[in-house]
Amino acid sequence: MVGCCLEGGVRRDVAVKVEYTFPGGSTYESEITVRPGNGAVLQKPDTGVCMKTTQLAPRECLATCTASGEMVLKHLLVASEFSGRAALPEFMDCCTLSGKRALDEELEASGVTGKRVAISLMKTSDASGTRAEPDQFGTCEFSKANVLKNELAISEISGKPYRADQQVRSAVSGKTGHLQEFTTCHETRQILAHAEAETCEVSGHAVRPGVLASCAVTAKRVLPSQLTICQATGKQVLSGLLVTSSISSARLLRESAVPSAAGKFCLPSEAQDCAWSDRKAHPDDLRTCALTGLPIHVEFTTQQTPARLRPLVEMLDGLRHNADEDHLWDKVAARVSHALNGGSCRIEAAILSPSKQRLATCAESKAWMGLRVRQVGAIYNLIDDAIIGRLAAGKRNGTGWVAR
């Protein structure tokens, strides 16, 4: 039997934790892997450089300064007591209000004391926007706004504190106070305290003393604007006692007014002439003739819209063939031809107005060597020897005349 000899060895890798310190720092711990058999270090932590001390150190010993963005040894950093963010001491300061440590960017100077205070502890004035410590603030009793104490004043009306930027002074007594304690005179626009005002018995508006006047009929104390001079008697009376012109809102007695068919009124000077009858009429009773553009009283217009002078429509449609004032037809035809910029023109019919001063005419107009034939309506003013308003040109079809 032959003997056999085996050779071999045992290798073992060991992970160990090591503790170490840096000058002026706390204890750090890292894990490395070694092989005891030959003392080889198989695995060790990555390293980096502390930008503050230039010390080479394992990366787990380093952290970022939130102020500068540099990687530095952790023990060199301090934490803000407000946000917990860590930074180098040179980027830290102390909140003078709380005594707590904070980053420079977490502090601001008080607009009153100038002291550096944590932003989260500061208050903002609703009046000026100034930021300061809470003990520098007070409350306006009227608006409930939080403002700086030096932005408050004491009302001479109520004795209450109020924000000074909303101060108002009475034009009657000269007293000052918050704007909510005052009103505006409806007539003079002056400011006065509520207790100093008088009230109109009709509108309820507040005014300063001496503004209200009395109605000559009812004796009510009212605003001057509530009174109107009656054009018949000259007395100042409440506006509701008079009728109103629908044109100018002028106040006048019913018997002095020009009425409309719908029960409205206007001053005689506001009445307008009907271009067909020459009578004065309330403007509401006038219609603009769609054919001539002239104002015509509703009794002389068609019922269908758009309103048109009825005698003229009936002639254009061929329904009426009146021959009023035929001795003027040639003259009128010449005026119509001229207005049409040429072409032959012959009057077919004419109707004299109620005032005997207007002549509604229907003429046959030919142009383009007689190829274009139209019926043209016109209003002739006998006094001025002129066509007034627009010409109405068109053609007759099976149902009537159509503008063209």
Protein backbone atom coordinates (compact mmCIF):
# COMPACT_ATOMS: atom_id res chain seq x y z
CA MET A 1 0.00 0.00 0.00
CA VAL A 2 1.39 3.33 -1.08
CA GLY A 3 0.83 6.34 1.19
CA CYS A 4 -0.72 9.63 -0.17
CA CYS A 5 0.09 13.22 1.03
CA LEU A 6 -2.37 16.15 0.52
CA GLU A 7 -1.36 19.78 0.59
CA GLY A 8 -3.67 22.81 0.91
CA GLY A 9 -4.43 25.97 2.79
CA VAL A 10 -7.37 27.82 4.35
CA ARG A 11 -8.14 31.44 3.38
CA ARG A 12 -10.68 33.59 5.15
CA ASP A 13 -11.84 37.16 4.38
CA VAL A 14 -12.98 39.20 7.35
CA ALA A 15 -15.17 42.36 7.38
CA VAL A 16 -14.27 44.63 10.23
CA LYS A 17 -15.49 48.02 11.46
CA VAL A 18 -12.88 50.59 12.33
CA GLU A 19 -13.35 53.82 14.30
CA TYR A 20 -11.30 56.93 13.77
CA THR A 21 -11.35 60.64 14.41
CA PHE A 22 -10.21 63.81 12.72
CA PRO A 23 -8.68 66.77 14.55
CA GLY A 24 -11.40 68.59 16.46
CA GLY A 25 -14.01 66.13 15.27
CA SER A 26 -16.17 63.30 16.56
CA THR A 27 -15.65 59.58 16.05
CA TYR A 28 -16.44 58.13 12.60
CA GLU A 29 -16.85 54.46 11.67
CA SER A 30 -16.17 52.65 8.39
CA GLU A 31 -16.22 49.03 7.29
CA ILE A 32 -13.27 47.35 5.50
CA THR A 33 -12.65 43.80 4.34
CA VAL A 34 -9.24 42.19 5.05
CA ARG A 35 -7.62 38.79 4.51
CA PRO A 36 -5.84 37.82 7.75
CA GLY A 37 -3.70 35.26 6.04
CA ASN A 38 -1.64 37.81 4.18
CA GLY A 39 -2.85 41.09 5.69
CA ALA A 40 -4.31 42.28 2.41
CA VAL A 41 -7.07 44.93 2.46
CA LEU A 42 -9.63 43.68 -0.03
CA GLN A 43 -12.31 46.41 0.24
CA LYS A 44 -12.26 49.91 1.68
CA PRO A 45 -14.60 52.90 1.47
CA ASP A 46 -14.37 55.47 -1.30
CA THR A 47 -12.65 58.66 -0.28
CA GLY A 48 -13.12 62.34 -0.97
CA VAL A 49 -11.56 65.66 -0.02
CA CYS A 50 -13.06 68.01 2.57
CA MET A 51 -13.22 71.38 0.81
CA LYS A 52 -12.84 73.16 4.14
CA THR A 53 -9.78 71.35 5.59
CA THR A 54 -8.44 69.66 2.40
CA GLN A 55 -8.44 66.47 4.50
CA LEU A 56 -8.79 63.21 2.57
CA ALA A 57 -11.56 61.17 4.20
CA PRO A 58 -14.03 58.37 3.50
CA ARG A 59 -17.10 59.67 1.67
CA GLU A 60 -19.43 58.62 4.49
CA CYS A 61 -17.60 61.17 6.62
CA LEU A 62 -18.52 63.97 4.22
CA ALA A 63 -21.74 65.94 3.71
CA THR A 64 -22.85 68.90 1.62
CA CYS A 65 -22.98 72.41 3.08
CA THR A 66 -26.47 73.65 2.00
CA ALA A 67 -25.22 77.23 1.87
CA SER A 68 -22.05 76.83 -0.22
CA GLY A 69 -22.73 73.47 -1.86
CA GLU A 70 -19.26 72.20 -0.85
CA MET A 71 -18.51 68.71 0.50
CA VAL A 72 -17.02 68.99 3.99
CA LEU A 73 -16.49 66.77 7.03
CA LYS A 74 -19.80 66.22 8.79
CA HIS A 75 -18.55 67.36 12.17
CA LEU A 76 -17.79 70.78 10.70
CA LEU A 77 -21.47 71.38 9.90
CA VAL A 78 -24.15 72.75 12.22
CA ALA A 79 -27.92 72.46 11.75
CA SER A 80 -30.48 75.26 11.54
CA GLU A 81 -32.91 75.05 14.45
CA PHE A 82 -35.68 76.15 12.16
CA SER A 83 -35.27 73.98 9.06
CA GLY A 84 -32.72 71.35 10.16
CA ARG A 85 -30.59 72.18 7.13
CA ALA A 86 -26.84 71.82 7.79
CA ALA A 87 -24.17 74.33 6.80
CA LEU A 88 -20.78 75.61 7.89
CA PRO A 89 -20.84 77.92 10.92
CA GLU A 90 -19.90 80.96 8.86
CA PHE A 91 -23.24 80.66 7.06
CA MET A 92 -25.17 80.59 10.33
CA ASP A 93 -26.45 83.39 12.53
CA CYS A 94 -28.70 83.75 15.57
CA CYS A 95 -32.35 84.83 15.52
CA THR A 96 -32.53 87.78 17.92
CA LEU A 97 -36.15 87.04 18.75
CA SER A 98 -35.87 83.34 19.62
CA GLY A 99 -32.14 82.97 20.21
CA LYS A 100 -32.14 80.00 17.85
CA ARG A 101 -29.53 79.26 15.21
CA ALA A 102 -30.56 79.76 11.60
CA LEU A 103 -29.09 79.99 8.14
CA ASP A 104 -28.41 83.49 6.89
CA GLU A 105 -31.08 83.04 4.22
CA GLU A 106 -33.61 82.08 6.90
CA LEU A 107 -33.23 85.45 8.61
CA GLU A 108 -34.29 88.96 7.61
CA ALA A 109 -33.91 92.40 9.12
CA SER A 110 -36.94 93.78 10.99
CA GLY A 111 -38.43 96.81 9.26
CA VAL A 112 -38.84 98.45 12.70
CA THR A 113 -35.87 97.44 14.89
CA GLY A 114 -33.44 96.42 12.18
CA LYS A 115 -32.69 93.20 14.09
CA ARG A 116 -32.23 89.92 12.24
CA VAL A 117 -35.14 87.63 12.94
CA ALA A 118 -36.22 84.26 11.55
CA ILE A 119 -38.45 84.77 8.51
CA SER A 120 -40.97 82.29 9.86
CA LEU A 121 -41.42 84.38 13.04
CA MET A 122 -41.96 87.71 11.30
CA LYS A 123 -45.35 89.30 10.54
CA THR A 124 -46.32 91.50 7.62
CA SER A 125 -48.21 94.78 7.96
CA ASP A 126 -51.51 94.80 6.05
CA ALA A 127 -51.04 98.52 5.55
CA SER A 128 -47.46 98.98 4.38
CA GLY A 129 -46.20 95.46 3.78
CA THR A 130 -43.40 96.09 6.29
CA ARG A 131 -42.19 92.95 8.10
CA ALA A 132 -41.27 93.04 11.77
CA GLU A 133 -41.48 91.18 15.09
CA PRO A 134 -44.98 90.25 16.33
CA ASP A 135 -44.69 92.58 19.36
CA GLN A 136 -44.46 95.53 16.97
CA PHE A 137 -48.04 94.95 15.74
CA GLY A 138 -51.53 96.02 16.75
CA THR A 139 -55.05 95.53 15.32
CA CYS A 140 -57.35 98.04 13.60
CA GLU A 141 -60.69 97.83 15.45
CA PHE A 142 -62.62 98.49 12.26
CA SER A 143 -60.93 96.51 9.49
CA LYS A 144 -59.34 93.94 11.84
CA ALA A 145 -56.14 94.39 9.88
CA ASN A 146 -52.79 93.64 11.55
CA VAL A 147 -50.56 96.68 11.19
CA LEU A 148 -47.50 98.12 12.90
CA LYS A 149 -48.21 100.02 16.10
CA ASN A 150 -46.74 103.12 14.54
CA GLU A 151 -49.27 102.74 11.72
CA LEU A 152 -52.23 103.00 14.13
CA ALA A 153 -54.09 106.13 15.26
CA ILE A 154 -56.87 106.74 17.80
CA SER A 155 -60.28 107.80 16.46
CA GLU A 156 -61.56 111.17 17.69
CA ILE A 157 -65.06 109.88 16.99
CA SER A 158 -65.04 106.59 18.94
CA GLY A 159 -61.68 106.47 20.71
CA LYS A 160 -60.82 103.16 19.00
CA PRO A 161 -57.46 102.35 17.35
CA TYR A 162 -57.50 102.23 13.56
CA ARG A 163 -55.00 102.00 10.71
CA ALA A 164 -53.77 105.50 10.02
CA ASP A 165 -53.64 105.03 6.25
CA GLN A 166 -57.46 104.80 6.31
CA GLN A 167 -57.91 108.03 8.23
CA VAL A 168 -60.72 110.39 7.27
CA ARG A 169 -61.42 113.93 8.47
CA SER A 170 -64.90 115.44 8.86
CA ALA A 171 -65.53 118.54 6.76
CA VAL A 172 -68.06 119.62 9.39
CA SER A 173 -66.23 119.20 12.72
CA GLY A 174 -62.64 118.53 11.63
CA LYS A 175 -62.53 115.32 13.71
CA THR A 176 -60.55 112.35 12.42
CA GLY A 177 -61.30 108.65 12.55
CA HIS A 178 -61.58 105.48 10.51
CA LEU A 179 -63.34 105.70 7.16
CA GLN A 180 -66.10 103.32 8.38
CA GLU A 181 -67.18 106.00 10.88
CA PHE A 182 -67.89 108.48 8.10
CA THR A 183 -70.20 108.99 5.17
CA THR A 184 -70.14 111.21 2.10
CA CYS A 185 -72.55 114.07 1.57
CA HIS A 186 -74.58 113.10 -1.47
CA GLU A 187 -74.64 116.67 -2.75
CA THR A 188 -71.27 118.24 -1.86
CA ARG A 189 -69.24 114.97 -1.82
CA GLN A 190 -67.74 116.18 1.46
CA ILE A 191 -66.87 113.74 4.23
CA LEU A 192 -68.66 113.90 7.59
CA ALA A 193 -69.35 111.60 10.54
CA HIS A 194 -72.54 109.55 10.44
CA ALA A 195 -73.84 111.39 13.51
CA GLU A 196 -73.32 114.77 11.82
CA ALA A 197 -75.43 113.99 8.73
CA GLU A 198 -79.05 114.80 7.86
CA THR A 199 -81.20 112.42 5.79
CA CYS A 200 -83.32 113.16 2.71
CA GLU A 201 -86.94 112.09 3.33
CA VAL A 202 -87.32 110.72 -0.20
CA SER A 203 -84.03 109.12 -1.21
CA GLY A 204 -82.60 108.38 2.23
CA HIS A 205 -79.27 109.92 1.18
CA ALA A 206 -77.12 111.50 3.89
CA VAL A 207 -76.00 115.10 3.49
CA ARG A 208 -74.24 117.73 5.55
CA PRO A 209 -76.43 120.26 7.44
CA GLY A 210 -77.79 123.09 5.31
CA VAL A 211 -78.10 121.11 2.10
CA LEU A 212 -81.71 119.90 2.25
CA ALA A 213 -84.58 122.02 0.88
CA SER A 214 -88.36 121.91 1.37
CA CYS A 215 -91.00 120.91 -1.18
CA ALA A 216 -93.47 123.80 -1.61
CA VAL A 217 -96.37 121.32 -1.70
CA THR A 218 -95.55 118.60 0.85
CA ALA A 219 -93.03 120.50 3.04
CA LYS A 220 -90.74 117.42 3.01
CA ARG A 221 -87.02 118.03 3.53
CA VAL A 222 -85.30 116.57 0.53
CA LEU A 223 -82.26 116.86 -1.66
CA PRO A 224 -82.34 119.77 -4.10
CA SER A 225 -82.10 117.20 -6.89
CA GLN A 226 -85.46 115.80 -5.76
CA LEU A 227 -87.09 119.16 -6.51
CA THR A 228 -87.99 120.60 -9.89
CA ILE A 229 -89.24 124.02 -10.89
CA CYS A 230 -92.73 123.71 -12.30
CA GLN A 231 -92.71 125.62 -15.58
CA ALA A 232 -96.29 126.73 -14.92
CA THR A 233 -96.02 128.05 -11.35
CA GLY A 234 -92.29 128.51 -10.79
CA LYS A 235 -92.50 126.61 -7.47
CA GLN A 236 -89.98 124.03 -6.37
CA VAL A 237 -91.87 120.79 -5.87
CA LEU A 238 -91.12 117.09 -5.69
CA SER A 239 -90.43 115.71 -9.12
CA GLY A 240 -93.09 113.03 -8.69
CA LEU A 241 -95.78 115.69 -8.72
CA LEU A 242 -95.05 116.63 -12.35
CA VAL A 243 -95.05 114.81 -15.66
CA THR A 244 -91.75 114.19 -17.36
CA SER A 245 -90.67 114.89 -20.87
CA SER A 246 -89.62 111.58 -22.40
CA ILE A 247 -87.15 113.51 -24.54
CA SER A 248 -85.18 115.62 -22.05
CA SER A 249 -86.65 114.55 -18.70
CA ALA A 250 -87.73 118.16 -18.22
CA ARG A 251 -90.53 118.54 -15.66
CA LEU A 252 -93.72 120.29 -16.65
CA LEU A 253 -97.44 120.31 -16.08
CA ARG A 254 -99.53 118.00 -18.25
CA GLU A 255 -101.47 120.84 -19.91
CA SER A 256 -98.25 122.44 -21.10
CA ALA A 257 -96.95 119.28 -22.75
CA VAL A 258 -97.27 117.83 -26.24
CA PRO A 259 -98.67 114.31 -25.75
CA SER A 260 -97.92 111.21 -27.76
CA ALA A 261 -100.35 108.52 -28.80
CA ALA A 262 -98.81 106.25 -26.16
CA GLY A 263 -99.32 108.76 -23.33
CA LYS A 264 -95.84 110.25 -23.22
CA PHE A 265 -95.08 113.97 -23.08
CA CYS A 266 -92.55 116.47 -24.33
CA LEU A 267 -91.99 120.19 -24.26
CA PRO A 268 -93.37 122.19 -27.19
CA SER A 269 -89.79 123.02 -28.13
CA GLU A 270 -88.99 119.30 -28.26
CA ALA A 271 -91.78 118.48 -30.67
CA GLN A 272 -90.71 117.82 -34.28
CA ASP A 273 -92.26 118.54 -37.65
CA CYS A 274 -93.84 115.79 -39.69
CA ALA A 275 -92.26 116.20 -43.14
CA TRP A 276 -95.57 115.26 -44.80
CA SER A 277 -98.17 117.19 -42.77
CA ASP A 278 -95.89 119.95 -41.32
CA ARG A 279 -97.58 119.42 -37.93
CA LYS A 280 -95.71 119.42 -34.62
CA ALA A 281 -95.66 115.98 -33.07
CA HIS A 282 -94.09 114.06 -30.22
CA PRO A 283 -90.92 112.41 -31.59
CA ASP A 284 -92.27 109.00 -30.52
CA ASP A 285 -95.09 109.43 -33.02
CA LEU A 286 -92.69 110.02 -35.88
CA ARG A 287 -91.24 107.26 -38.02
CA THR A 288 -88.34 107.50 -40.39
CA CYS A 289 -89.66 106.64 -43.81
CA ALA A 290 -87.62 103.73 -45.16
CA LEU A 291 -88.05 105.09 -48.68
CA THR A 292 -87.19 108.75 -48.25
CA GLY A 293 -85.49 108.92 -44.83
CA LEU A 294 -87.90 111.72 -43.80
CA PRO A 295 -89.68 111.90 -40.40
CA ILE A 296 -93.37 111.08 -40.94
CA HIS A 297 -96.20 110.97 -38.40
CA VAL A 298 -97.36 107.42 -37.73
CA GLU A 299 -100.87 108.18 -39.07
CA PHE A 300 -99.37 108.63 -42.57
CA THR A 301 -97.10 105.55 -42.58
CA THR A 302 -97.67 101.92 -43.41
CA GLN A 303 -98.45 99.60 -40.52
CA GLN A 304 -95.90 97.05 -41.70
CA THR A 305 -92.26 97.58 -40.83
CA PRO A 306 -90.15 99.22 -42.00
CA ALA A 307 -92.39 102.27 -41.89
CA ARG A 308 -92.94 104.02 -45.22
CA LEU A 309 -95.01 107.01 -46.37
CA ARG A 310 -98.30 105.35 -47.27
CA PRO A 311 -99.35 107.62 -50.22
CA LEU A 312 -95.94 107.09 -51.82
CA VAL A 313 -96.07 103.31 -51.38
CA GLU A 314 -99.55 103.14 -52.91
CA MET A 315 -98.40 105.06 -56.00
CA LEU A 316 -95.25 102.96 -56.42
CA ASP A 317 -97.34 99.79 -56.15
CA GLY A 318 -99.63 101.17 -58.86
CA LEU A 319 -102.64 101.31 -56.57
CA ARG A 320 -103.18 105.10 -56.77
CA HIS A 321 -102.94 107.35 -59.77
CA ASN A 322 -103.65 110.82 -58.33
CA ALA A 323 -102.80 113.72 -60.59
CA ASP A 324 -102.37 116.51 -58.03
CA GLU A 325 -100.48 119.63 -59.13
CA ASP A 326 -99.92 118.22 -62.62
CA HIS A 327 -98.76 121.63 -63.85
CA LEU A 328 -95.58 121.05 -61.81
CA TRP A 329 -94.86 117.57 -63.12
CA ASP A 330 -92.31 118.57 -65.73
CA LYS A 331 -90.38 120.60 -63.21
CA VAL A 332 -90.49 117.74 -60.72
CA ALA A 333 -89.43 115.24 -63.38
CA ALA A 334 -86.40 117.40 -64.16
CA ARG A 335 -85.46 117.48 -60.47
CA VAL A 336 -85.78 113.68 -60.21
CA SER A 337 -83.74 113.13 -63.39
CA HIS A 338 -81.01 115.37 -62.07
CA ALA A 339 -80.96 113.51 -58.76
CA LEU A 340 -80.63 110.23 -60.70
CA ASN A 341 -77.65 111.64 -62.61
CA GLY A 342 -79.42 111.58 -65.94
CA GLY A 343 -81.86 109.48 -67.91
CA SER A 344 -85.37 110.29 -69.01
CA CYS A 345 -88.02 110.70 -66.34
CA ARG A 346 -91.82 111.02 -66.53
CA ILE A 347 -94.21 111.64 -63.62
CA GLU A 348 -96.94 108.97 -63.47
CA ALA A 349 -98.87 110.13 -60.38
CA ALA A 350 -98.66 112.72 -57.59
CA ILE A 351 -100.42 113.32 -54.26
CA LEU A 352 -100.46 116.68 -52.44
CA SER A 353 -99.75 116.66 -48.68
CA PRO A 354 -102.27 117.91 -46.04
CA SER A 355 -100.15 121.04 -45.60
CA LYS A 356 -100.28 121.74 -49.37
CA GLN A 357 -96.49 122.21 -49.27
CA ARG A 358 -95.26 118.73 -50.23
CA LEU A 359 -95.95 116.66 -53.32
CA ALA A 360 -95.37 112.90 -53.28
CA THR A 361 -94.60 111.76 -56.82
CA CYS A 362 -94.12 108.48 -58.65
CA ALA A 363 -92.05 108.72 -61.83
CA GLU A 364 -91.05 106.29 -64.55
CA SER A 365 -87.29 106.47 -65.16
CA LYS A 366 -85.55 105.03 -68.22
CA ALA A 367 -81.81 104.55 -68.64
CA TRP A 368 -79.39 102.60 -70.79
CA MET A 369 -81.23 103.51 -74.00
CA GLY A 370 -84.54 102.60 -72.45
CA LEU A 371 -83.47 99.09 -71.47
CA ARG A 372 -83.63 99.84 -67.77
CA VAL A 373 -87.06 101.00 -66.57
CA ARG A 374 -87.75 101.83 -62.93
CA GLN A 375 -90.42 103.52 -60.85
CA VAL A 376 -88.92 106.26 -58.68
CA GLY A 377 -90.67 107.82 -55.69
CA ALA A 378 -89.79 111.32 -54.50
CA ILE A 379 -91.04 114.08 -52.18
CA TYR A 380 -91.03 117.53 -53.78
CA ASN A 381 -91.01 120.67 -51.61
CA LEU A 382 -93.20 123.25 -53.36
CA ILE A 383 -91.82 126.09 -51.24
CA ASP A 384 -88.14 125.44 -51.96
CA ASP A 385 -88.60 123.91 -55.42
CA ALA A 386 -86.42 120.97 -54.40
CA ILE A 387 -86.51 117.24 -53.79
CA ILE A 388 -86.29 116.50 -50.06
CA GLY A 389 -85.11 113.22 -48.59
CA ARG A 390 -83.91 110.24 -50.62
CA LEU A 391 -85.24 108.92 -53.90
CA ALA A 392 -86.88 105.49 -53.80
CA ALA A 393 -85.96 103.58 -56.96
CA GLY A 394 -87.22 100.11 -57.85
CA LYS A 395 -89.36 97.99 -60.14
CA ARG A 396 -92.89 96.64 -60.09
CA ASN A 397 -93.44 92.90 -60.09
CA GLY A 398 -96.52 90.77 -59.82
CA THR A 399 -97.11 91.69 -56.17
CA GLY A 400 -96.03 95.31 -56.08
CA TRP A 401 -93.01 97.58 -56.16
CA VAL A 402 -89.58 96.34 -54.97
CA ALA A 403 -86.60 98.58 -54.27
CA ARG A 404 -83.60 97.99 -56.56
